[in-house]
Amino acid sequence: MAKKSIVFLGCVFFCMFSSAAIAYNQNPNLNFGNTNIIDAMLPPPGLYMSNYMVFYSADEFKDGKGDSYPMNNELDLVVYAPQFIWVSKKELPHGFKWGAQALWPMFGFDVNSDLGIDSGGGILGDPCMGPFIGSAIPLAKDFVFHWFFEFDVYFPVGAYDKNKAINPSANFWTFEPWVTMTLQMPYGFTFSTRQHLTFNTKNDEYVNPAVTGDFNDHDLEAGDLWHFNYSLMKTIDFISPNLRFGVVGYYGQQLDEDEVDGVKLQDSEEEVFAIGPALHYIHKGMIFSLKTYFENGVENRPEGEKIVFRIIIPF
């Protein structure tokens, strides 16, 4: 009996670290910094394919107080996410444009952790779909305010292994209304922000004996989340008016604690801030952007660097 108890406590200790270090209960498919440069300027009617390539590397995993977990913990992540965007030819009253988008990301993980953190198999994340509506409003000479509103749904159909700490799928539905705004200013300046509110349903295959005291399935509900992307860009006119350079970033703050079987998990809120440089170029109707982010102020997440390369191709 004593031997069995020692083995059980060892398993609990192992799972406690592997789960807590990546306490990453929010949907892994959310948009942190993928879009922000002149984000709200809707293109002409038609069909577009947006290709996201994301490279993320972290060598620190943070707890609920922002402190790093001990020993060596590394996460390398590669994501390719094709997205189709359709803008309708028919405008709504008051000049509103409308359309819809669909996106399905694919993941590749490489985890090296002395705490035993591991990633699940499979590459497909959770697809995201949503309609949008927006317009452009002239404010003054050389000032134009662009905006559009979208309501996205993330479908829990991607790869998920309840015994792994990191998965491409969240294994729960996520509903996310958001609005993006771009202020077009004189001398080629633009400021953009995309503001999201994230609401999650329950994952009924949550396994974490450090929290629940057993290896059975339980209900996990990740807390509501507010997160936003931002950018301040300027055209480099002496090279090309189609080339922009500037500062980009993102921020996320979980608004309430995660719950397991209806009981709140203390200090489980996630937080992250990131900032970095960006380039944006338009050539023959195609749009290219390259952004680098450096994270800090992180809680209950890995802390690292992210590179996002995006190509938008019109059909």
C-alpha atoms as a PDB file:
ATOM      1  CA  MET A   1       0.000   0.000   0.000  1.00  0.00           C
ATOM      2  CA  ALA A   2       2.841   2.399   0.880  1.00  0.00           C
ATOM      3  CA  LYS A   3       4.498   1.723  -2.464  1.00  0.00           C
ATOM      4  CA  LYS A   4       1.258   2.439  -4.316  1.00  0.00           C
ATOM      5  CA  SER A   5       0.867   5.688  -2.386  1.00  0.00           C
ATOM      6  CA  ILE A   6       4.372   6.784  -3.314  1.00  0.00           C
ATOM      7  CA  VAL A   7       3.729   6.015  -6.967  1.00  0.00           C
ATOM      8  CA  PHE A   8       0.446   7.947  -6.893  1.00  0.00           C
ATOM      9  CA  LEU A   9       2.057  10.959  -5.193  1.00  0.00           C
ATOM     10  CA  GLY A  10       4.842  10.862  -7.752  1.00  0.00           C
ATOM     11  CA  CYS A  11       2.279  10.949 -10.574  1.00  0.00           C
ATOM     12  CA  VAL A  12       0.461  13.820  -8.904  1.00  0.00           C
ATOM     13  CA  PHE A  13       3.732  15.760  -8.513  1.00  0.00           C
ATOM     14  CA  PHE A  14       4.587  15.125 -12.160  1.00  0.00           C
ATOM     15  CA  CYS A  15       1.166  16.206 -13.444  1.00  0.00           C
ATOM     16  CA  MET A  16       1.072  19.197 -11.118  1.00  0.00           C
ATOM     17  CA  PHE A  17       4.170  20.688 -12.704  1.00  0.00           C
ATOM     18  CA  SER A  18       3.375  19.694 -16.277  1.00  0.00           C
ATOM     19  CA  SER A  19      -0.132  21.106 -16.095  1.00  0.00           C
ATOM     20  CA  ALA A  20       0.569  24.223 -14.070  1.00  0.00           C
ATOM     21  CA  ALA A  21       3.606  25.247 -16.082  1.00  0.00           C
ATOM     22  CA  ILE A  22       1.500  25.473 -19.211  1.00  0.00           C
ATOM     23  CA  ALA A  23      -1.686  26.504 -17.364  1.00  0.00           C
ATOM     24  CA  TYR A  24      -2.650  27.503 -20.845  1.00  0.00           C
ATOM     25  CA  ASN A  25      -6.337  26.752 -20.676  1.00  0.00           C
ATOM     26  CA  GLN A  26      -7.385  29.410 -23.184  1.00  0.00           C
ATOM     27  CA  ASN A  27      -8.019  28.366 -26.774  1.00  0.00           C
ATOM     28  CA  PRO A  28      -4.583  27.964 -28.451  1.00  0.00           C
ATOM     29  CA  ASN A  29      -6.037  29.124 -31.784  1.00  0.00           C
ATOM     30  CA  LEU A  30      -6.754  32.719 -30.685  1.00  0.00           C
ATOM     31  CA  ASN A  31      -5.404  35.699 -32.603  1.00  0.00           C
ATOM     32  CA  PHE A  32      -2.484  37.123 -30.629  1.00  0.00           C
ATOM     33  CA  GLY A  33      -0.691  39.483 -33.008  1.00  0.00           C
ATOM     34  CA  ASN A  34      -1.606  37.737 -36.245  1.00  0.00           C
ATOM     35  CA  THR A  35      -3.426  40.820 -37.581  1.00  0.00           C
ATOM     36  CA  ASN A  36      -2.945  44.481 -36.714  1.00  0.00           C
ATOM     37  CA  ILE A  37      -1.402  46.508 -39.588  1.00  0.00           C
ATOM     38  CA  ILE A  38      -4.079  48.724 -41.274  1.00  0.00           C
ATOM     39  CA  ASP A  39      -6.340  45.954 -40.033  1.00  0.00           C
ATOM     40  CA  ALA A  40      -9.761  47.566 -40.515  1.00  0.00           C
ATOM     41  CA  MET A  41      -9.283  48.756 -44.105  1.00  0.00           C
ATOM     42  CA  LEU A  42     -11.564  46.340 -45.960  1.00  0.00           C
ATOM     43  CA  PRO A  43     -10.406  45.375 -49.469  1.00  0.00           C
ATOM     44  CA  PRO A  44     -12.566  45.670 -52.622  1.00  0.00           C
ATOM     45  CA  PRO A  45     -15.301  43.033 -53.133  1.00  0.00           C
ATOM     46  CA  GLY A  46     -13.995  39.595 -53.976  1.00  0.00           C
ATOM     47  CA  LEU A  47     -12.363  36.458 -52.581  1.00  0.00           C
ATOM     48  CA  TYR A  48      -8.969  36.523 -50.882  1.00  0.00           C
ATOM     49  CA  MET A  49      -6.678  33.909 -49.400  1.00  0.00           C
ATOM     50  CA  SER A  50      -4.686  34.954 -46.363  1.00  0.00           C
ATOM     51  CA  ASN A  51      -1.736  32.745 -45.407  1.00  0.00           C
ATOM     52  CA  TYR A  52      -0.335  32.988 -41.870  1.00  0.00           C
ATOM     53  CA  MET A  53       2.987  31.434 -40.927  1.00  0.00           C
ATOM     54  CA  VAL A  54       3.762  31.719 -37.212  1.00  0.00           C
ATOM     55  CA  PHE A  55       7.006  30.757 -35.474  1.00  0.00           C
ATOM     56  CA  TYR A  56       7.018  30.829 -31.672  1.00  0.00           C
ATOM     57  CA  SER A  57       9.827  29.956 -29.263  1.00  0.00           C
ATOM     58  CA  ALA A  58       9.751  30.082 -25.455  1.00  0.00           C
ATOM     59  CA  ASP A  59      12.323  29.027 -22.880  1.00  0.00           C
ATOM     60  CA  GLU A  60      10.442  30.183 -19.781  1.00  0.00           C
ATOM     61  CA  PHE A  61       7.104  28.994 -18.419  1.00  0.00           C
ATOM     62  CA  LYS A  62       5.485  31.408 -15.977  1.00  0.00           C
ATOM     63  CA  ASP A  63       3.233  30.716 -12.983  1.00  0.00           C
ATOM     64  CA  GLY A  64       0.329  32.778 -11.644  1.00  0.00           C
ATOM     65  CA  LYS A  65       2.699  35.294 -10.045  1.00  0.00           C
ATOM     66  CA  GLY A  66       4.817  35.763 -13.162  1.00  0.00           C
ATOM     67  CA  ASP A  67       7.734  33.710 -11.797  1.00  0.00           C
ATOM     68  CA  SER A  68       9.530  31.157 -13.962  1.00  0.00           C
ATOM     69  CA  TYR A  69       9.220  27.456 -13.232  1.00  0.00           C
ATOM     70  CA  PRO A  70      12.536  25.769 -12.387  1.00  0.00           C
ATOM     71  CA  MET A  71      14.757  23.640 -14.617  1.00  0.00           C
ATOM     72  CA  ASN A  72      14.867  23.608 -18.400  1.00  0.00           C
ATOM     73  CA  ASN A  73      11.548  24.188 -20.205  1.00  0.00           C
ATOM     74  CA  GLU A  74      11.417  24.962 -23.905  1.00  0.00           C
ATOM     75  CA  LEU A  75       8.603  25.160 -26.423  1.00  0.00           C
ATOM     76  CA  ASP A  76       8.975  25.658 -30.166  1.00  0.00           C
ATOM     77  CA  LEU A  77       5.839  26.054 -32.229  1.00  0.00           C
ATOM     78  CA  VAL A  78       5.196  26.367 -35.957  1.00  0.00           C
ATOM     79  CA  VAL A  79       1.736  27.208 -37.297  1.00  0.00           C
ATOM     80  CA  TYR A  80       0.407  27.506 -40.821  1.00  0.00           C
ATOM     81  CA  ALA A  81      -3.124  28.896 -41.066  1.00  0.00           C
ATOM     82  CA  PRO A  82      -4.861  29.335 -44.425  1.00  0.00           C
ATOM     83  CA  GLN A  83      -7.814  31.719 -44.330  1.00  0.00           C
ATOM     84  CA  PHE A  84     -10.412  32.590 -46.948  1.00  0.00           C
ATOM     85  CA  ILE A  85     -11.984  36.060 -46.820  1.00  0.00           C
ATOM     86  CA  TRP A  86     -15.005  36.995 -48.910  1.00  0.00           C
ATOM     87  CA  VAL A  87     -16.226  40.586 -49.317  1.00  0.00           C
ATOM     88  CA  SER A  88     -19.674  40.976 -50.891  1.00  0.00           C
ATOM     89  CA  LYS A  89     -20.277  43.121 -53.979  1.00  0.00           C
ATOM     90  CA  LYS A  90     -23.592  44.296 -52.531  1.00  0.00           C
ATOM     91  CA  GLU A  91     -23.391  47.045 -49.961  1.00  0.00           C
ATOM     92  CA  LEU A  92     -25.867  47.369 -47.115  1.00  0.00           C
ATOM     93  CA  PRO A  93     -27.629  50.658 -46.248  1.00  0.00           C
ATOM     94  CA  HIS A  94     -25.363  53.528 -45.154  1.00  0.00           C
ATOM     95  CA  GLY A  95     -22.538  52.122 -47.274  1.00  0.00           C
ATOM     96  CA  PHE A  96     -21.774  49.208 -44.952  1.00  0.00           C
ATOM     97  CA  LYS A  97     -19.642  46.440 -46.464  1.00  0.00           C
ATOM     98  CA  TRP A  98     -20.092  42.853 -45.343  1.00  0.00           C
ATOM     99  CA  GLY A  99     -18.662  39.401 -45.837  1.00  0.00           C
ATOM    100  CA  ALA A 100     -17.323  36.341 -44.025  1.00  0.00           C
ATOM    101  CA  GLN A 101     -14.109  34.497 -43.273  1.00  0.00           C
ATOM    102  CA  ALA A 102     -13.035  30.929 -42.487  1.00  0.00           C
ATOM    103  CA  LEU A 103      -9.689  29.784 -41.091  1.00  0.00           C
ATOM    104  CA  TRP A 104      -8.220  26.406 -40.078  1.00  0.00           C
ATOM    105  CA  PRO A 105      -4.730  26.342 -38.488  1.00  0.00           C
ATOM    106  CA  MET A 106      -2.208  23.493 -38.542  1.00  0.00           C
ATOM    107  CA  PHE A 107       0.345  23.080 -35.735  1.00  0.00           C
ATOM    108  CA  GLY A 108       3.757  21.540 -35.200  1.00  0.00           C
ATOM    109  CA  PHE A 109       5.195  21.252 -31.671  1.00  0.00           C
ATOM    110  CA  ASP A 110       8.659  20.620 -30.253  1.00  0.00           C
ATOM    111  CA  VAL A 111       8.718  20.444 -26.453  1.00  0.00           C
ATOM    112  CA  ASN A 112      11.811  19.923 -24.297  1.00  0.00           C
ATOM    113  CA  SER A 113      10.975  20.074 -20.605  1.00  0.00           C
ATOM    114  CA  ASP A 114      12.549  18.738 -17.419  1.00  0.00           C
ATOM    115  CA  LEU A 115       9.090  18.989 -15.848  1.00  0.00           C
ATOM    116  CA  GLY A 116       7.689  16.331 -18.167  1.00  0.00           C
ATOM    117  CA  ILE A 117       5.523  18.660 -20.262  1.00  0.00           C
ATOM    118  CA  ASP A 118       4.469  16.980 -23.498  1.00  0.00           C
ATOM    119  CA  SER A 119       2.364  17.820 -26.544  1.00  0.00           C
ATOM    120  CA  GLY A 120      -0.448  15.820 -28.061  1.00  0.00           C
ATOM    121  CA  GLY A 121      -0.391  14.187 -31.465  1.00  0.00           C
ATOM    122  CA  GLY A 122      -2.075  15.539 -34.571  1.00  0.00           C
ATOM    123  CA  ILE A 123      -1.647  18.851 -36.316  1.00  0.00           C
ATOM    124  CA  LEU A 124      -5.137  20.248 -36.920  1.00  0.00           C
ATOM    125  CA  GLY A 125      -6.319  23.023 -34.634  1.00  0.00           C
ATOM    126  CA  ASP A 126      -9.865  24.327 -34.250  1.00  0.00           C
ATOM    127  CA  PRO A 127     -11.379  26.005 -37.314  1.00  0.00           C
ATOM    128  CA  CYS A 128     -12.761  29.509 -36.944  1.00  0.00           C
ATOM    129  CA  MET A 129     -15.581  31.089 -38.956  1.00  0.00           C
ATOM    130  CA  GLY A 130     -17.460  34.350 -38.758  1.00  0.00           C
ATOM    131  CA  PRO A 131     -19.374  37.098 -40.602  1.00  0.00           C
ATOM    132  CA  PHE A 132     -18.329  40.753 -40.545  1.00  0.00           C
ATOM    133  CA  ILE A 133     -19.712  44.212 -41.317  1.00  0.00           C
ATOM    134  CA  GLY A 134     -17.924  47.559 -41.554  1.00  0.00           C
ATOM    135  CA  SER A 135     -17.339  50.876 -43.289  1.00  0.00           C
ATOM    136  CA  ALA A 136     -14.972  53.827 -43.761  1.00  0.00           C
ATOM    137  CA  ILE A 137     -15.843  57.255 -42.281  1.00  0.00           C
ATOM    138  CA  PRO A 138     -14.050  60.434 -43.461  1.00  0.00           C
ATOM    139  CA  LEU A 139     -13.335  62.618 -40.424  1.00  0.00           C
ATOM    140  CA  ALA A 140     -11.316  65.546 -41.788  1.00  0.00           C
ATOM    141  CA  LYS A 141      -8.752  66.298 -44.450  1.00  0.00           C
ATOM    142  CA  ASP A 142      -6.490  63.220 -44.747  1.00  0.00           C
ATOM    143  CA  PHE A 143      -8.160  61.569 -41.731  1.00  0.00           C
ATOM    144  CA  VAL A 144     -10.299  58.455 -42.358  1.00  0.00           C
ATOM    145  CA  PHE A 145     -11.673  56.127 -39.691  1.00  0.00           C
ATOM    146  CA  HIS A 146     -12.080  52.491 -40.815  1.00  0.00           C
ATOM    147  CA  TRP A 147     -13.860  49.859 -38.735  1.00  0.00           C
ATOM    148  CA  PHE A 148     -15.527  46.502 -38.935  1.00  0.00           C
ATOM    149  CA  PHE A 149     -17.194  44.154 -36.476  1.00  0.00           C
ATOM    150  CA  GLU A 150     -17.026  40.367 -36.602  1.00  0.00           C
ATOM    151  CA  PHE A 151     -18.430  37.488 -34.555  1.00  0.00           C
ATOM    152  CA  ASP A 152     -16.225  34.389 -34.658  1.00  0.00           C
ATOM    153  CA  VAL A 153     -16.917  30.831 -33.559  1.00  0.00           C
ATOM    154  CA  TYR A 154     -14.140  28.295 -32.904  1.00  0.00           C
ATOM    155  CA  PHE A 155     -15.300  24.705 -33.471  1.00  0.00           C
ATOM    156  CA  PRO A 156     -13.740  22.006 -31.189  1.00  0.00           C
ATOM    157  CA  VAL A 157     -12.910  19.468 -33.903  1.00  0.00           C
ATOM    158  CA  GLY A 158      -9.091  19.602 -33.911  1.00  0.00           C
ATOM    159  CA  ALA A 159      -6.586  17.149 -32.427  1.00  0.00           C
ATOM    160  CA  TYR A 160      -6.853  16.784 -28.634  1.00  0.00           C
ATOM    161  CA  ASP A 161      -5.246  14.348 -26.181  1.00  0.00           C
ATOM    162  CA  LYS A 162      -6.533  14.785 -22.633  1.00  0.00           C
ATOM    163  CA  ASN A 163      -3.333  13.287 -21.203  1.00  0.00           C
ATOM    164  CA  LYS A 164      -1.094  15.950 -22.806  1.00  0.00           C
ATOM    165  CA  ALA A 165      -0.464  19.497 -21.579  1.00  0.00           C
ATOM    166  CA  ILE A 166      -0.281  21.101 -25.043  1.00  0.00           C
ATOM    167  CA  ASN A 167      -2.768  20.438 -27.855  1.00  0.00           C
ATOM    168  CA  PRO A 168      -3.758  22.043 -31.170  1.00  0.00           C
ATOM    169  CA  SER A 169      -7.418  21.939 -30.101  1.00  0.00           C
ATOM    170  CA  ALA A 170      -9.036  23.465 -27.032  1.00  0.00           C
ATOM    171  CA  ASN A 171     -11.727  20.748 -26.956  1.00  0.00           C
ATOM    172  CA  PHE A 172     -14.372  23.379 -26.213  1.00  0.00           C
ATOM    173  CA  TRP A 173     -16.392  25.945 -28.164  1.00  0.00           C
ATOM    174  CA  THR A 174     -15.144  29.519 -28.161  1.00  0.00           C
ATOM    175  CA  PHE A 175     -17.298  32.520 -29.070  1.00  0.00           C
ATOM    176  CA  GLU A 176     -15.509  35.764 -29.809  1.00  0.00           C
ATOM    177  CA  PRO A 177     -17.069  39.080 -30.808  1.00  0.00           C
ATOM    178  CA  TRP A 178     -14.512  41.678 -31.778  1.00  0.00           C
ATOM    179  CA  VAL A 179     -14.105  45.031 -33.474  1.00  0.00           C
ATOM    180  CA  THR A 180     -11.097  46.355 -35.363  1.00  0.00           C
ATOM    181  CA  MET A 181     -10.386  50.043 -36.013  1.00  0.00           C
ATOM    182  CA  THR A 182      -7.834  51.855 -38.161  1.00  0.00           C
ATOM    183  CA  LEU A 183      -7.230  55.597 -38.174  1.00  0.00           C
ATOM    184  CA  GLN A 184      -5.664  56.730 -41.446  1.00  0.00           C
ATOM    185  CA  MET A 185      -3.702  59.961 -40.875  1.00  0.00           C
ATOM    186  CA  PRO A 186      -1.607  62.464 -42.870  1.00  0.00           C
ATOM    187  CA  TYR A 187       1.958  61.748 -43.943  1.00  0.00           C
ATOM    188  CA  GLY A 188       1.301  58.012 -44.244  1.00  0.00           C
ATOM    189  CA  PHE A 189       0.666  57.329 -40.546  1.00  0.00           C
ATOM    190  CA  THR A 190      -1.894  54.716 -39.458  1.00  0.00           C
ATOM    191  CA  PHE A 191      -2.931  53.464 -36.034  1.00  0.00           C
ATOM    192  CA  SER A 192      -4.874  50.205 -35.692  1.00  0.00           C
ATOM    193  CA  THR A 193      -6.280  48.107 -32.880  1.00  0.00           C
ATOM    194  CA  ARG A 194      -8.372  44.931 -32.798  1.00  0.00           C
ATOM    195  CA  GLN A 195     -10.317  44.386 -29.544  1.00  0.00           C
ATOM    196  CA  HIS A 196     -11.540  40.872 -28.664  1.00  0.00           C
ATOM    197  CA  LEU A 197     -13.795  39.466 -25.952  1.00  0.00           C
ATOM    198  CA  THR A 198     -13.475  35.702 -25.590  1.00  0.00           C
ATOM    199  CA  PHE A 199     -16.095  33.394 -24.047  1.00  0.00           C
ATOM    200  CA  ASN A 200     -15.550  29.642 -23.642  1.00  0.00           C
ATOM    201  CA  THR A 201     -17.735  26.627 -23.029  1.00  0.00           C
ATOM    202  CA  LYS A 202     -16.628  23.594 -20.987  1.00  0.00           C
ATOM    203  CA  ASN A 203     -14.000  21.008 -21.792  1.00  0.00           C
ATOM    204  CA  ASP A 204     -15.494  17.802 -20.360  1.00  0.00           C
ATOM    205  CA  GLU A 205     -12.250  15.811 -20.778  1.00  0.00           C
ATOM    206  CA  TYR A 206     -10.014  17.713 -18.399  1.00  0.00           C
ATOM    207  CA  VAL A 207      -7.522  15.470 -16.578  1.00  0.00           C
ATOM    208  CA  ASN A 208      -5.260  16.959 -13.886  1.00  0.00           C
ATOM    209  CA  PRO A 209      -4.871  14.954 -10.644  1.00  0.00           C
ATOM    210  CA  ALA A 210      -3.001  17.858  -9.026  1.00  0.00           C
ATOM    211  CA  VAL A 211      -6.252  19.802  -9.163  1.00  0.00           C
ATOM    212  CA  THR A 212      -8.935  17.111  -8.952  1.00  0.00           C
ATOM    213  CA  GLY A 213      -7.173  14.399  -6.910  1.00  0.00           C
ATOM    214  CA  ASP A 214      -7.808  11.670  -9.484  1.00  0.00           C
ATOM    215  CA  PHE A 215      -7.218  10.713 -13.106  1.00  0.00           C
ATOM    216  CA  ASN A 216     -10.868  10.932 -14.155  1.00  0.00           C
ATOM    217  CA  ASP A 217     -12.422  13.318 -16.669  1.00  0.00           C
ATOM    218  CA  HIS A 218     -13.650  16.609 -15.242  1.00  0.00           C
ATOM    219  CA  ASP A 219     -15.230  19.810 -16.568  1.00  0.00           C
ATOM    220  CA  LEU A 220     -12.874  22.722 -17.181  1.00  0.00           C
ATOM    221  CA  GLU A 221     -14.178  26.166 -18.127  1.00  0.00           C
ATOM    222  CA  ALA A 222     -11.484  28.688 -19.045  1.00  0.00           C
ATOM    223  CA  GLY A 223     -12.247  32.210 -17.813  1.00  0.00           C
ATOM    224  CA  ASP A 224     -13.431  35.043 -20.029  1.00  0.00           C
ATOM    225  CA  LEU A 225     -10.603  36.866 -21.775  1.00  0.00           C
ATOM    226  CA  TRP A 226      -9.982  40.363 -23.125  1.00  0.00           C
ATOM    227  CA  HIS A 227      -7.155  40.668 -25.636  1.00  0.00           C
ATOM    228  CA  PHE A 228      -6.168  43.150 -28.320  1.00  0.00           C
ATOM    229  CA  ASN A 229      -3.651  43.729 -31.106  1.00  0.00           C
ATOM    230  CA  TYR A 230      -2.237  47.146 -32.001  1.00  0.00           C
ATOM    231  CA  SER A 231       0.037  48.834 -34.536  1.00  0.00           C
ATOM    232  CA  LEU A 232       1.459  52.262 -35.346  1.00  0.00           C
ATOM    233  CA  MET A 233       2.815  52.346 -38.911  1.00  0.00           C
ATOM    234  CA  LYS A 234       4.390  54.890 -41.291  1.00  0.00           C
ATOM    235  CA  THR A 235       4.969  54.694 -45.035  1.00  0.00           C
ATOM    236  CA  ILE A 236       8.607  54.771 -46.117  1.00  0.00           C
ATOM    237  CA  ASP A 237       7.988  57.162 -48.997  1.00  0.00           C
ATOM    238  CA  PHE A 238      11.606  57.594 -50.070  1.00  0.00           C
ATOM    239  CA  ILE A 239      11.603  53.869 -50.929  1.00  0.00           C
ATOM    240  CA  SER A 240       7.936  53.268 -51.834  1.00  0.00           C
ATOM    241  CA  PRO A 241       4.554  54.551 -50.603  1.00  0.00           C
ATOM    242  CA  ASN A 242       3.493  50.882 -50.549  1.00  0.00           C
ATOM    243  CA  LEU A 243       6.122  50.038 -47.914  1.00  0.00           C
ATOM    244  CA  ARG A 244       5.346  50.614 -44.243  1.00  0.00           C
ATOM    245  CA  PHE A 245       7.401  50.261 -41.083  1.00  0.00           C
ATOM    246  CA  GLY A 246       6.342  50.558 -37.484  1.00  0.00           C
ATOM    247  CA  VAL A 247       5.611  49.092 -34.066  1.00  0.00           C
ATOM    248  CA  VAL A 248       3.151  46.281 -33.397  1.00  0.00           C
ATOM    249  CA  GLY A 249       2.061  44.300 -30.380  1.00  0.00           C
ATOM    250  CA  TYR A 250      -0.631  42.501 -28.435  1.00  0.00           C
ATOM    251  CA  TYR A 251      -1.982  42.247 -24.911  1.00  0.00           C
ATOM    252  CA  GLY A 252      -4.197  39.720 -23.152  1.00  0.00           C
ATOM    253  CA  GLN A 253      -5.785  39.721 -19.700  1.00  0.00           C
ATOM    254  CA  GLN A 254      -8.047  36.980 -18.428  1.00  0.00           C
ATOM    255  CA  LEU A 255     -10.981  38.613 -16.652  1.00  0.00           C
ATOM    256  CA  ASP A 256     -11.901  35.811 -14.247  1.00  0.00           C
ATOM    257  CA  GLU A 257     -10.471  32.557 -12.976  1.00  0.00           C
ATOM    258  CA  ASP A 258     -10.762  29.162 -14.618  1.00  0.00           C
ATOM    259  CA  GLU A 259     -13.249  26.737 -13.081  1.00  0.00           C
ATOM    260  CA  VAL A 260     -13.095  22.967 -12.619  1.00  0.00           C
ATOM    261  CA  ASP A 261     -16.424  21.327 -11.872  1.00  0.00           C
ATOM    262  CA  GLY A 262     -17.759  24.769 -10.976  1.00  0.00           C
ATOM    263  CA  VAL A 263     -14.961  25.532  -8.483  1.00  0.00           C
ATOM    264  CA  LYS A 264     -12.656  28.466  -9.250  1.00  0.00           C
ATOM    265  CA  LEU A 265      -8.912  27.806  -9.575  1.00  0.00           C
ATOM    266  CA  GLN A 266      -7.023  30.444  -7.614  1.00  0.00           C
ATOM    267  CA  ASP A 267      -4.496  32.580  -9.556  1.00  0.00           C
ATOM    268  CA  SER A 268      -5.319  30.872 -12.870  1.00  0.00           C
ATOM    269  CA  GLU A 269      -5.772  34.054 -14.933  1.00  0.00           C
ATOM    270  CA  GLU A 270      -3.507  34.381 -17.967  1.00  0.00           C
ATOM    271  CA  GLU A 271      -1.770  37.619 -18.911  1.00  0.00           C
ATOM    272  CA  VAL A 272       0.690  38.573 -21.658  1.00  0.00           C
ATOM    273  CA  PHE A 273       2.098  41.716 -23.276  1.00  0.00           C
ATOM    274  CA  ALA A 274       4.180  41.827 -26.456  1.00  0.00           C
ATOM    275  CA  ILE A 275       5.771  44.487 -28.650  1.00  0.00           C
ATOM    276  CA  GLY A 276       8.082  44.519 -31.651  1.00  0.00           C
ATOM    277  CA  PRO A 277       8.888  45.867 -35.142  1.00  0.00           C
ATOM    278  CA  ALA A 278       6.985  45.230 -38.374  1.00  0.00           C
ATOM    279  CA  LEU A 279       7.192  45.658 -42.146  1.00  0.00           C
ATOM    280  CA  HIS A 280       4.226  45.788 -44.539  1.00  0.00           C
ATOM    281  CA  TYR A 281       4.355  45.860 -48.346  1.00  0.00           C
ATOM    282  CA  ILE A 282       1.757  45.871 -51.138  1.00  0.00           C
ATOM    283  CA  HIS A 283       2.758  44.627 -54.598  1.00  0.00           C
ATOM    284  CA  LYS A 284       0.434  43.904 -57.543  1.00  0.00           C
ATOM    285  CA  GLY A 285      -2.584  43.414 -55.307  1.00  0.00           C
ATOM    286  CA  MET A 286      -0.775  41.072 -52.900  1.00  0.00           C
ATOM    287  CA  ILE A 287      -0.006  42.086 -49.334  1.00  0.00           C
ATOM    288  CA  PHE A 288       3.066  40.958 -47.396  1.00  0.00           C
ATOM    289  CA  SER A 289       3.717  41.573 -43.708  1.00  0.00           C
ATOM    290  CA  LEU A 290       6.466  40.487 -41.338  1.00  0.00           C
ATOM    291  CA  LYS A 291       6.239  41.038 -37.584  1.00  0.00           C
ATOM    292  CA  THR A 292       8.417  40.089 -34.615  1.00  0.00           C
ATOM    293  CA  TYR A 293       7.134  40.101 -31.030  1.00  0.00           C
ATOM    294  CA  PHE A 294       8.933  39.982 -27.688  1.00  0.00           C
ATOM    295  CA  GLU A 295       6.728  38.929 -24.783  1.00  0.00           C
ATOM    296  CA  ASN A 296       6.955  40.067 -21.178  1.00  0.00           C
ATOM    297  CA  GLY A 297       4.694  40.572 -18.167  1.00  0.00           C
ATOM    298  CA  VAL A 298       3.500  36.991 -18.606  1.00  0.00           C
ATOM    299  CA  GLU A 299       1.442  34.960 -16.118  1.00  0.00           C
ATOM    300  CA  ASN A 300       0.240  31.357 -16.470  1.00  0.00           C
ATOM    301  CA  ARG A 301       1.711  31.050 -19.970  1.00  0.00           C
ATOM    302  CA  PRO A 302       5.019  30.446 -21.700  1.00  0.00           C
ATOM    303  CA  GLU A 303       7.053  33.615 -22.331  1.00  0.00           C
ATOM    304  CA  GLY A 304       8.978  33.892 -25.580  1.00  0.00           C
ATOM    305  CA  GLU A 305       9.323  35.447 -29.015  1.00  0.00           C
ATOM    306  CA  LYS A 306       6.983  35.210 -31.988  1.00  0.00           C
ATOM    307  CA  ILE A 307       7.435  35.840 -35.706  1.00  0.00           C
ATOM    308  CA  VAL A 308       4.366  36.206 -37.944  1.00  0.00           C
ATOM    309  CA  PHE A 309       4.658  36.242 -41.731  1.00  0.00           C
ATOM    310  CA  ARG A 310       1.455  36.860 -43.707  1.00  0.00           C
ATOM    311  CA  ILE A 311       0.657  36.865 -47.433  1.00  0.00           C
ATOM    312  CA  ILE A 312      -2.760  37.925 -48.758  1.00  0.00           C
ATOM    313  CA  ILE A 313      -3.543  36.818 -52.319  1.00  0.00           C
ATOM    314  CA  PRO A 314      -6.602  38.118 -54.235  1.00  0.00           C
ATOM    315  CA  PHE A 315      -8.473  35.785 -56.582  1.00  0.00           C
END
